[in-house]
Amino acid sequence: MIPIYDQKSRLKILVAVIALLIGAATVVYTNLLVQRVSAREQQQIRLYAKAQEFIINSEQDSNTLFVFSEIVNANATIPVILSDGVNTIAAKNIVMPARVSEADSVRLLQSELLLMKQQHPPIVVKFGAGQVNYIYYRDSQLLQQLRTYPLVQLVVIGCLGIIAYFAFSSSRRAEQNRVWVGLAKETAHQLGTPLSSLVGWQNYLRDSDRFKDEPIVEELGKDIRRLEIITERFSNIGSVPVLKDENLFHTTRNAIEYLSSRVSKKVIFKIESDLPLDTPARINVPLFDWVIENICKNAVDAMDGRGSITLHLRRVRTRRSWYRRSAPPRQVAVDITDTGKGIPSHKLESVFMPGFTTKKRGWGLGLALAKRIIENYHEGRLFVKWSEIGRGTTFRIVLNQ
């Protein structure tokens, strides 16, 4: 595989680790802040309770009332309820709806009291001869928001990461498409000039008495037709290919017949079909032939030139998607099974990456190009359906009808 793809995987892992470290640091630091704010609120409530106890047990004068009012007014955020254990005596920092009835007000205070009992134990305020009141309180809104802040921040970081990932992937795909199209157009252009020259030389040789009835002229014609097919393939990649309803069985058989005469005689090709022989599929024949050729050539290499390749045509059951109002198109599949070495499970997702190859002298573009042709141009799917080490591999091509 080209080293850049190894680096890309490592870069993804590095970015994920950095994101996890940032998230962990945010959670730890926020928890420290929460603990400090919580301790400060508890200290403020204890001071509030001491002030209540002091004002009850002391003679009231202007000084004590001033000190008490300053302490009470200092608490503008922490919800507090003063109770004798049965009834509510006073409440502070509890928001009541406008125009609420007395009965609804009592119910709201009771629900607040239950919530406060769950959060913190009450603070006892002693007065008189053994009489006590209880101060109940709960966390302020600021403290609650501070507790949820790490989650909000992690969600925001995650959303930004997802947006950045899709933006990067979209930009990378667009760049790859431009490279593929540019390469295809340039290749077709470069092939055009020598191809025209070869056609001229073939016509000259055919009209020459010296080479009349020579088999070399016909062989040259076959090579020229092959180059014309290759040029047409690159031209179709460089532009929007035209899809037509073609006979799937005949098209597949023709591709195999051409390929079988050009590979090892020890490789046996078989075509099986669960479909009627006249079943059509929406394909571009030159590009589809190219896909069959690439997959089968890889299979021949995986079998070391000895084994069997079976192409099985079958119906694919399609499901209606929730986001599509119209019925999904009917689909057919071509399963290509070889008896080769198989693909390790950890490499199944990498076989379609440009640059992935197990051969010493390979560019690793065949399967990447095949997947692009099927999924981008035919709006189908190409994937590894099954693979087992030592037994073989099955590639599935899904096409629309």
Protein backbone atom coordinates (compact mmCIF):
# COMPACT_ATOMS: atom_id res chain seq x y z
CA MET A 1 0.00 0.00 0.00
CA ILE A 2 1.16 3.53 -0.70
CA PRO A 3 2.61 4.95 2.57
CA ILE A 4 0.29 7.99 2.52
CA TYR A 5 -2.67 5.78 3.48
CA ASP A 6 -0.81 4.37 6.46
CA GLN A 7 -0.06 7.94 7.53
CA LYS A 8 -3.70 8.89 7.03
CA SER A 9 -4.84 6.15 9.40
CA ARG A 10 -2.27 7.22 11.98
CA LEU A 11 -3.37 10.83 11.59
CA LYS A 12 -6.97 9.86 12.30
CA ILE A 13 -5.88 8.00 15.44
CA LEU A 14 -3.77 10.99 16.54
CA VAL A 15 -6.68 13.40 16.05
CA ALA A 16 -9.01 11.07 17.99
CA VAL A 17 -6.50 10.79 20.86
CA ILE A 18 -6.05 14.57 21.00
CA ALA A 19 -9.84 15.05 21.04
CA LEU A 20 -10.17 12.53 23.88
CA LEU A 21 -7.42 14.27 25.85
CA ILE A 22 -9.12 17.65 25.38
CA GLY A 23 -12.45 16.19 26.46
CA ALA A 24 -10.90 14.50 29.52
CA ALA A 25 -9.07 17.68 30.52
CA THR A 26 -12.29 19.69 30.15
CA VAL A 27 -14.25 17.25 32.33
CA VAL A 28 -11.57 17.13 35.05
CA TYR A 29 -11.12 20.91 35.18
CA THR A 30 -14.87 21.56 35.22
CA ASN A 31 -15.34 19.04 38.02
CA LEU A 32 -12.76 20.95 40.08
CA LEU A 33 -14.67 24.18 39.48
CA VAL A 34 -17.94 22.46 40.41
CA GLN A 35 -16.43 21.23 43.69
CA ARG A 36 -15.18 24.73 44.56
CA VAL A 37 -18.46 26.43 43.72
CA SER A 38 -20.40 23.75 45.59
CA ALA A 39 -18.19 24.19 48.69
CA ARG A 40 -18.69 27.96 48.47
CA GLU A 41 -22.47 27.61 48.28
CA GLN A 42 -22.49 25.25 51.27
CA GLN A 43 -20.41 27.75 53.25
CA GLN A 44 -22.81 30.54 52.27
CA ILE A 45 -25.83 28.49 53.38
CA ARG A 46 -24.18 27.68 56.72
CA LEU A 47 -23.57 31.39 57.23
CA TYR A 48 -27.19 32.00 56.32
CA ALA A 49 -28.30 29.41 58.93
CA LYS A 50 -26.08 30.92 61.64
CA ALA A 51 -27.54 34.32 60.88
CA GLN A 52 -31.06 32.86 61.23
CA GLU A 53 -30.14 31.25 64.52
CA PHE A 54 -28.48 34.41 65.79
CA ILE A 55 -31.39 36.71 64.93
CA ILE A 56 -33.88 34.34 66.59
CA ASN A 57 -31.89 33.94 69.82
CA SER A 58 -30.72 37.57 70.16
CA GLU A 59 -32.44 40.79 71.02
CA GLN A 60 -33.35 42.49 67.80
CA ASP A 61 -31.94 45.93 67.25
CA SER A 62 -30.93 47.93 64.20
CA ASN A 63 -27.43 46.45 64.10
CA THR A 64 -28.51 42.83 64.19
CA LEU A 65 -31.27 43.45 61.67
CA PHE A 66 -28.78 45.19 59.38
CA VAL A 67 -26.28 42.32 59.60
CA PHE A 68 -29.03 39.74 59.01
CA SER A 69 -30.44 41.59 56.02
CA GLU A 70 -26.99 41.90 54.46
CA ILE A 71 -26.34 38.16 54.85
CA VAL A 72 -29.77 37.27 53.51
CA ASN A 73 -29.47 39.65 50.57
CA ALA A 74 -26.04 38.22 49.75
CA ASN A 75 -27.74 34.96 48.73
CA ALA A 76 -29.36 35.84 45.42
CA THR A 77 -28.86 32.52 43.60
CA ILE A 78 -29.26 29.54 45.97
CA PRO A 79 -32.88 28.34 46.43
CA VAL A 80 -33.65 28.07 50.18
CA ILE A 81 -36.67 26.94 52.21
CA LEU A 82 -37.01 27.46 55.99
CA SER A 83 -39.29 24.85 57.54
CA ASP A 84 -40.33 23.67 60.98
CA GLY A 85 -40.33 20.09 59.72
CA VAL A 86 -43.98 20.18 58.71
CA ASN A 87 -44.85 23.56 57.26
CA THR A 88 -42.88 26.00 55.16
CA ILE A 89 -42.03 29.16 57.05
CA ALA A 90 -40.16 31.10 54.38
CA ALA A 91 -38.64 30.58 50.93
CA LYS A 92 -36.06 32.46 48.91
CA ASN A 93 -34.82 32.36 45.28
CA ILE A 94 -37.65 30.07 44.16
CA VAL A 95 -39.33 31.28 41.00
CA MET A 96 -43.12 31.18 41.16
CA PRO A 97 -45.36 31.49 38.11
CA ALA A 98 -47.35 34.69 37.79
CA ARG A 99 -50.90 34.65 39.22
CA VAL A 100 -50.46 31.29 40.92
CA SER A 101 -53.07 30.25 43.45
CA GLU A 102 -52.20 29.59 47.08
CA ALA A 103 -52.84 25.86 46.71
CA ASP A 104 -50.58 25.66 43.63
CA SER A 105 -47.94 27.66 45.46
CA VAL A 106 -47.99 25.15 48.34
CA ARG A 107 -47.63 22.23 45.89
CA LEU A 108 -44.72 23.91 44.14
CA LEU A 109 -42.95 24.50 47.45
CA GLN A 110 -43.53 20.88 48.47
CA SER A 111 -42.00 19.62 45.21
CA GLU A 112 -39.03 21.98 45.69
CA LEU A 113 -38.66 20.69 49.23
CA LEU A 114 -38.53 17.08 48.06
CA LEU A 115 -35.87 17.98 45.51
CA MET A 116 -33.82 19.77 48.16
CA LYS A 117 -34.03 16.79 50.51
CA GLN A 118 -32.61 14.59 47.76
CA GLN A 119 -29.65 16.91 47.10
CA HIS A 120 -28.46 18.02 50.55
CA PRO A 121 -29.18 17.21 54.19
CA PRO A 122 -30.95 20.04 56.06
CA ILE A 123 -29.16 22.48 58.35
CA VAL A 124 -30.63 22.63 61.87
CA VAL A 125 -31.44 26.07 63.37
CA LYS A 126 -31.90 25.89 67.16
CA PHE A 127 -33.95 28.42 69.10
CA GLY A 128 -35.85 28.60 72.35
CA ALA A 129 -36.18 25.64 74.65
CA GLY A 130 -35.09 22.80 72.41
CA GLN A 131 -37.09 23.97 69.42
CA VAL A 132 -35.55 23.65 65.95
CA ASN A 133 -36.18 24.74 62.39
CA TYR A 134 -34.63 23.31 59.25
CA ILE A 135 -33.03 25.06 56.31
CA TYR A 136 -33.27 23.14 53.06
CA TYR A 137 -31.44 24.18 49.92
CA ARG A 138 -30.40 22.93 46.50
CA ASP A 139 -27.71 23.80 43.98
CA SER A 140 -27.96 27.14 42.25
CA GLN A 141 -28.71 27.38 38.57
CA LEU A 142 -25.11 28.46 37.97
CA LEU A 143 -23.80 25.27 39.58
CA GLN A 144 -26.22 23.13 37.57
CA GLN A 145 -25.14 24.79 34.34
CA LEU A 146 -21.52 24.31 35.30
CA ARG A 147 -22.14 20.58 35.76
CA THR A 148 -23.67 20.25 32.30
CA TYR A 149 -21.06 22.49 30.66
CA PRO A 150 -18.59 19.63 29.87
CA LEU A 151 -21.32 17.66 28.12
CA VAL A 152 -22.33 20.70 26.08
CA GLN A 153 -18.72 21.40 25.21
CA LEU A 154 -18.09 17.78 24.23
CA VAL A 155 -21.19 17.80 22.02
CA VAL A 156 -20.04 21.03 20.36
CA ILE A 157 -16.52 19.64 19.84
CA GLY A 158 -18.02 16.43 18.45
CA CYS A 159 -20.29 18.32 16.05
CA LEU A 160 -17.41 20.48 14.88
CA GLY A 161 -15.30 17.36 14.43
CA ILE A 162 -18.03 15.66 12.39
CA ILE A 163 -18.53 18.77 10.25
CA ALA A 164 -14.77 19.08 9.72
CA TYR A 165 -14.51 15.37 8.86
CA PHE A 166 -17.28 15.51 6.27
CA ALA A 167 -15.95 18.79 4.85
CA PHE A 168 -12.47 17.28 4.57
CA SER A 169 -13.83 14.05 3.07
CA SER A 170 -15.96 15.96 0.58
CA SER A 171 -13.02 18.13 -0.40
CA ARG A 172 -10.79 15.07 -0.71
CA ARG A 173 -13.36 13.23 -2.86
CA ALA A 174 -13.78 16.29 -5.08
CA GLU A 175 -10.00 16.50 -5.48
CA GLN A 176 -9.81 12.77 -6.26
CA ASN A 177 -12.57 13.15 -8.83
CA ARG A 178 -10.70 15.98 -10.52
CA VAL A 179 -7.53 13.86 -10.56
CA TRP A 180 -9.36 10.82 -11.96
CA VAL A 181 -11.14 12.86 -14.63
CA GLY A 182 -8.00 14.76 -15.59
CA LEU A 183 -5.96 11.58 -15.76
CA ALA A 184 -8.62 9.84 -17.85
CA LYS A 185 -8.96 12.71 -20.30
CA GLU A 186 -5.23 13.07 -20.68
CA THR A 187 -4.79 9.30 -21.17
CA ALA A 188 -7.54 9.19 -23.83
CA HIS A 189 -5.97 12.19 -25.54
CA GLN A 190 -2.51 10.66 -25.50
CA LEU A 191 -3.81 7.36 -26.89
CA GLY A 192 -5.67 9.10 -29.70
CA THR A 193 -2.62 10.16 -31.72
CA PRO A 194 -0.75 6.81 -31.94
CA LEU A 195 -4.08 5.02 -32.42
CA SER A 196 -4.89 7.11 -35.48
CA SER A 197 -1.41 6.39 -36.80
CA LEU A 198 -1.85 2.64 -36.26
CA VAL A 199 -5.17 2.68 -38.12
CA GLY A 200 -3.43 4.37 -41.03
CA TRP A 201 -0.61 1.82 -41.00
CA GLN A 202 -3.11 -1.04 -40.93
CA ASN A 203 -4.94 0.34 -43.96
CA TYR A 204 -1.60 0.76 -45.75
CA LEU A 205 -0.57 -2.82 -44.98
CA ARG A 206 -3.97 -4.19 -45.99
CA ASP A 207 -3.77 -2.43 -49.37
CA SER A 208 -0.17 -3.48 -49.94
CA ASP A 209 0.42 -6.48 -52.19
CA ARG A 210 3.42 -7.47 -50.12
CA PHE A 211 1.37 -8.03 -46.93
CA LYS A 212 -1.80 -9.25 -48.60
CA ASP A 213 -3.38 -12.15 -46.71
CA GLU A 214 -0.73 -11.86 -43.97
CA PRO A 215 -2.11 -12.82 -40.50
CA ILE A 216 -0.07 -10.03 -38.94
CA VAL A 217 -2.45 -7.48 -40.45
CA GLU A 218 -5.47 -9.07 -38.77
CA GLU A 219 -3.61 -9.36 -35.45
CA LEU A 220 -2.72 -5.70 -35.72
CA GLY A 221 -6.43 -4.97 -36.27
CA LYS A 222 -7.31 -6.85 -33.10
CA ASP A 223 -4.78 -4.83 -31.10
CA ILE A 224 -6.15 -1.62 -32.60
CA ARG A 225 -9.70 -2.56 -31.61
CA ARG A 226 -8.42 -3.33 -28.12
CA LEU A 227 -6.80 0.11 -27.91
CA GLU A 228 -10.03 1.68 -29.14
CA ILE A 229 -11.91 -0.04 -26.32
CA ILE A 230 -9.36 1.22 -23.77
CA THR A 231 -9.61 4.74 -25.18
CA GLU A 232 -13.40 4.58 -24.98
CA ARG A 233 -13.18 3.49 -21.36
CA PHE A 234 -11.00 6.43 -20.39
CA SER A 235 -13.22 8.77 -22.39
CA ASN A 236 -16.27 7.53 -20.47
CA ILE A 237 -14.50 8.11 -17.15
CA GLY A 238 -13.58 11.62 -18.19
CA SER A 239 -17.23 12.42 -18.99
CA VAL A 240 -20.69 11.36 -17.87
CA PRO A 241 -21.14 7.80 -19.21
CA VAL A 242 -24.39 6.83 -20.92
CA LEU A 243 -26.22 3.99 -19.15
CA LYS A 244 -28.47 1.74 -21.21
CA ASP A 245 -30.60 -1.33 -20.58
CA GLU A 246 -28.23 -4.11 -21.58
CA ASN A 247 -28.63 -7.86 -21.37
CA LEU A 248 -26.71 -8.66 -18.20
CA PHE A 249 -26.05 -12.33 -18.96
CA HIS A 250 -24.78 -11.74 -22.49
CA THR A 251 -22.66 -8.74 -21.45
CA THR A 252 -21.06 -10.70 -18.62
CA ARG A 253 -20.47 -13.72 -20.84
CA ASN A 254 -18.82 -11.60 -23.53
CA ALA A 255 -16.50 -10.03 -20.96
CA ILE A 256 -15.50 -13.46 -19.65
CA GLU A 257 -14.96 -14.90 -23.12
CA TYR A 258 -12.59 -12.10 -24.00
CA LEU A 259 -10.72 -12.44 -20.72
CA SER A 260 -10.52 -16.25 -20.62
CA SER A 261 -8.51 -16.36 -23.85
CA ARG A 262 -5.91 -14.02 -22.38
CA VAL A 263 -5.17 -15.61 -19.00
CA SER A 264 -3.80 -18.94 -17.86
CA LYS A 265 -5.52 -21.99 -19.35
CA LYS A 266 -5.53 -23.50 -15.86
CA VAL A 267 -8.15 -20.98 -14.74
CA ILE A 268 -11.72 -22.19 -15.27
CA PHE A 269 -14.46 -19.58 -15.75
CA LYS A 270 -18.08 -20.45 -15.00
CA ILE A 271 -21.26 -18.37 -15.27
CA GLU A 272 -24.36 -19.28 -13.26
CA SER A 273 -27.64 -17.39 -13.22
CA ASP A 274 -30.83 -17.41 -11.14
CA LEU A 275 -32.26 -14.81 -13.50
CA PRO A 276 -33.96 -15.18 -16.88
CA LEU A 277 -31.39 -14.93 -19.65
CA ASP A 278 -33.00 -11.76 -21.00
CA THR A 279 -32.78 -9.84 -17.69
CA PRO A 280 -31.60 -6.25 -18.35
CA ALA A 281 -29.48 -3.94 -16.21
CA ARG A 282 -28.61 -0.26 -16.48
CA ILE A 283 -24.92 -0.34 -17.43
CA ASN A 284 -22.29 1.17 -19.65
CA VAL A 285 -20.81 -1.85 -21.44
CA PRO A 286 -17.17 -0.68 -21.86
CA LEU A 287 -16.93 0.41 -18.22
CA PHE A 288 -18.73 -2.68 -16.91
CA ASP A 289 -16.36 -4.91 -18.92
CA TRP A 290 -13.47 -3.03 -17.33
CA VAL A 291 -14.81 -3.76 -13.83
CA ILE A 292 -15.22 -7.48 -14.60
CA GLU A 293 -11.74 -7.54 -16.08
CA ASN A 294 -10.10 -5.85 -13.07
CA ILE A 295 -11.79 -8.09 -10.50
CA CYS A 296 -11.09 -11.29 -12.45
CA LYS A 297 -7.45 -10.38 -13.09
CA ASN A 298 -6.98 -9.82 -9.36
CA ALA A 299 -8.61 -13.20 -8.75
CA VAL A 300 -6.24 -14.90 -11.23
CA ASP A 301 -3.28 -13.35 -9.42
CA ALA A 302 -4.68 -14.47 -6.04
CA MET A 303 -4.93 -18.06 -7.37
CA ASP A 304 -1.42 -17.97 -8.86
CA GLY A 305 -2.93 -18.77 -12.27
CA ARG A 306 -4.64 -21.98 -11.16
CA GLY A 307 -8.23 -22.42 -9.95
CA SER A 308 -11.79 -21.44 -10.83
CA ILE A 309 -13.74 -18.19 -11.03
CA THR A 310 -17.52 -18.38 -10.81
CA LEU A 311 -19.82 -15.50 -11.76
CA HIS A 312 -23.30 -15.88 -10.29
CA LEU A 313 -26.16 -13.61 -11.39
CA ARG A 314 -28.97 -13.22 -8.90
CA ARG A 315 -31.79 -10.93 -7.76
CA VAL A 316 -31.13 -8.54 -4.84
CA ARG A 317 -33.91 -7.67 -2.42
CA THR A 318 -34.12 -3.90 -1.98
CA ARG A 319 -35.68 -2.10 0.96
CA ARG A 320 -37.63 1.13 0.90
CA SER A 321 -35.67 3.91 2.60
CA TRP A 322 -37.44 6.22 5.05
CA TYR A 323 -36.15 9.31 3.22
CA ARG A 324 -37.31 8.19 -0.23
CA ARG A 325 -40.95 8.63 -1.21
CA SER A 326 -40.69 6.64 -4.42
CA ALA A 327 -40.08 2.92 -4.52
CA PRO A 328 -36.38 1.94 -4.78
CA PRO A 329 -35.20 0.61 -8.16
CA ARG A 330 -35.06 -3.13 -8.67
CA GLN A 331 -31.54 -4.45 -8.41
CA VAL A 332 -29.53 -7.41 -9.60
CA ALA A 333 -26.15 -8.64 -8.44
CA VAL A 334 -23.11 -10.29 -9.99
CA ASP A 335 -21.17 -12.36 -7.45
CA ILE A 336 -17.60 -13.10 -8.53
CA THR A 337 -16.11 -15.96 -6.48
CA ASP A 338 -12.54 -17.22 -6.78
CA THR A 339 -10.66 -20.06 -5.13
CA GLY A 340 -7.66 -17.92 -4.24
CA LYS A 341 -5.80 -17.10 -1.07
CA GLY A 342 -8.54 -15.01 0.53
CA ILE A 343 -8.31 -11.58 2.17
CA PRO A 344 -7.52 -11.11 5.90
CA SER A 345 -10.42 -9.57 7.81
CA HIS A 346 -8.38 -6.53 8.88
CA LYS A 347 -7.70 -5.70 5.22
CA LEU A 348 -11.26 -5.94 3.90
CA GLU A 349 -11.85 -2.20 4.23
CA SER A 350 -8.54 -1.37 2.55
CA VAL A 351 -8.81 -3.38 -0.66
CA PHE A 352 -10.63 -0.55 -2.48
CA MET A 353 -8.19 2.15 -1.42
CA PRO A 354 -6.01 3.58 -4.22
CA GLY A 355 -2.54 2.19 -3.74
CA PHE A 356 -3.54 -1.00 -1.91
CA THR A 357 -1.84 -4.01 -3.51
CA THR A 358 -0.25 -7.28 -2.45
CA LYS A 359 1.86 -7.50 -5.62
CA LYS A 360 5.41 -6.25 -5.75
CA ARG A 361 4.86 -4.52 -9.08
CA GLY A 362 1.34 -3.22 -8.74
CA TRP A 363 -0.11 0.28 -8.57
CA GLY A 364 -3.16 -0.83 -6.57
CA LEU A 365 -5.64 1.08 -8.76
CA GLY A 366 -7.71 -1.74 -10.27
CA LEU A 367 -10.23 -2.28 -7.46
CA ALA A 368 -10.31 1.42 -6.60
CA LEU A 369 -11.18 2.20 -10.20
CA ALA A 370 -13.77 -0.60 -10.31
CA LYS A 371 -15.50 0.68 -7.18
CA ARG A 372 -15.56 4.22 -8.57
CA ILE A 373 -17.07 3.01 -11.86
CA ILE A 374 -19.83 1.01 -10.15
CA GLU A 375 -20.73 3.43 -7.34
CA ASN A 376 -20.12 6.83 -8.97
CA TYR A 377 -21.17 6.15 -12.54
CA HIS A 378 -23.63 3.25 -12.21
CA GLU A 379 -25.05 4.29 -8.80
CA GLY A 380 -24.62 0.72 -7.63
CA ARG A 381 -22.44 -0.96 -5.04
CA LEU A 382 -19.23 -2.99 -5.05
CA PHE A 383 -18.04 -4.72 -1.90
CA VAL A 384 -16.46 -7.88 -0.53
CA LYS A 385 -19.34 -10.20 0.31
CA TRP A 386 -17.26 -13.06 1.70
CA SER A 387 -13.63 -14.00 2.13
CA GLU A 388 -11.83 -16.75 3.96
CA ILE A 389 -8.10 -17.35 4.14
CA GLY A 390 -7.12 -20.33 1.99
CA ARG A 391 -10.59 -20.75 0.45
CA GLY A 392 -11.24 -17.68 -1.66
CA THR A 393 -13.16 -14.41 -1.96
CA THR A 394 -16.50 -13.24 -3.31
CA PHE A 395 -16.95 -9.71 -4.68
CA ARG A 396 -20.52 -8.52 -5.20
CA ILE A 397 -21.53 -5.99 -7.87
CA VAL A 398 -25.02 -4.54 -7.35
CA LEU A 399 -26.64 -2.86 -10.38
CA ASN A 400 -29.92 -1.04 -10.94
CA GLN A 401 -32.50 -2.16 -13.48
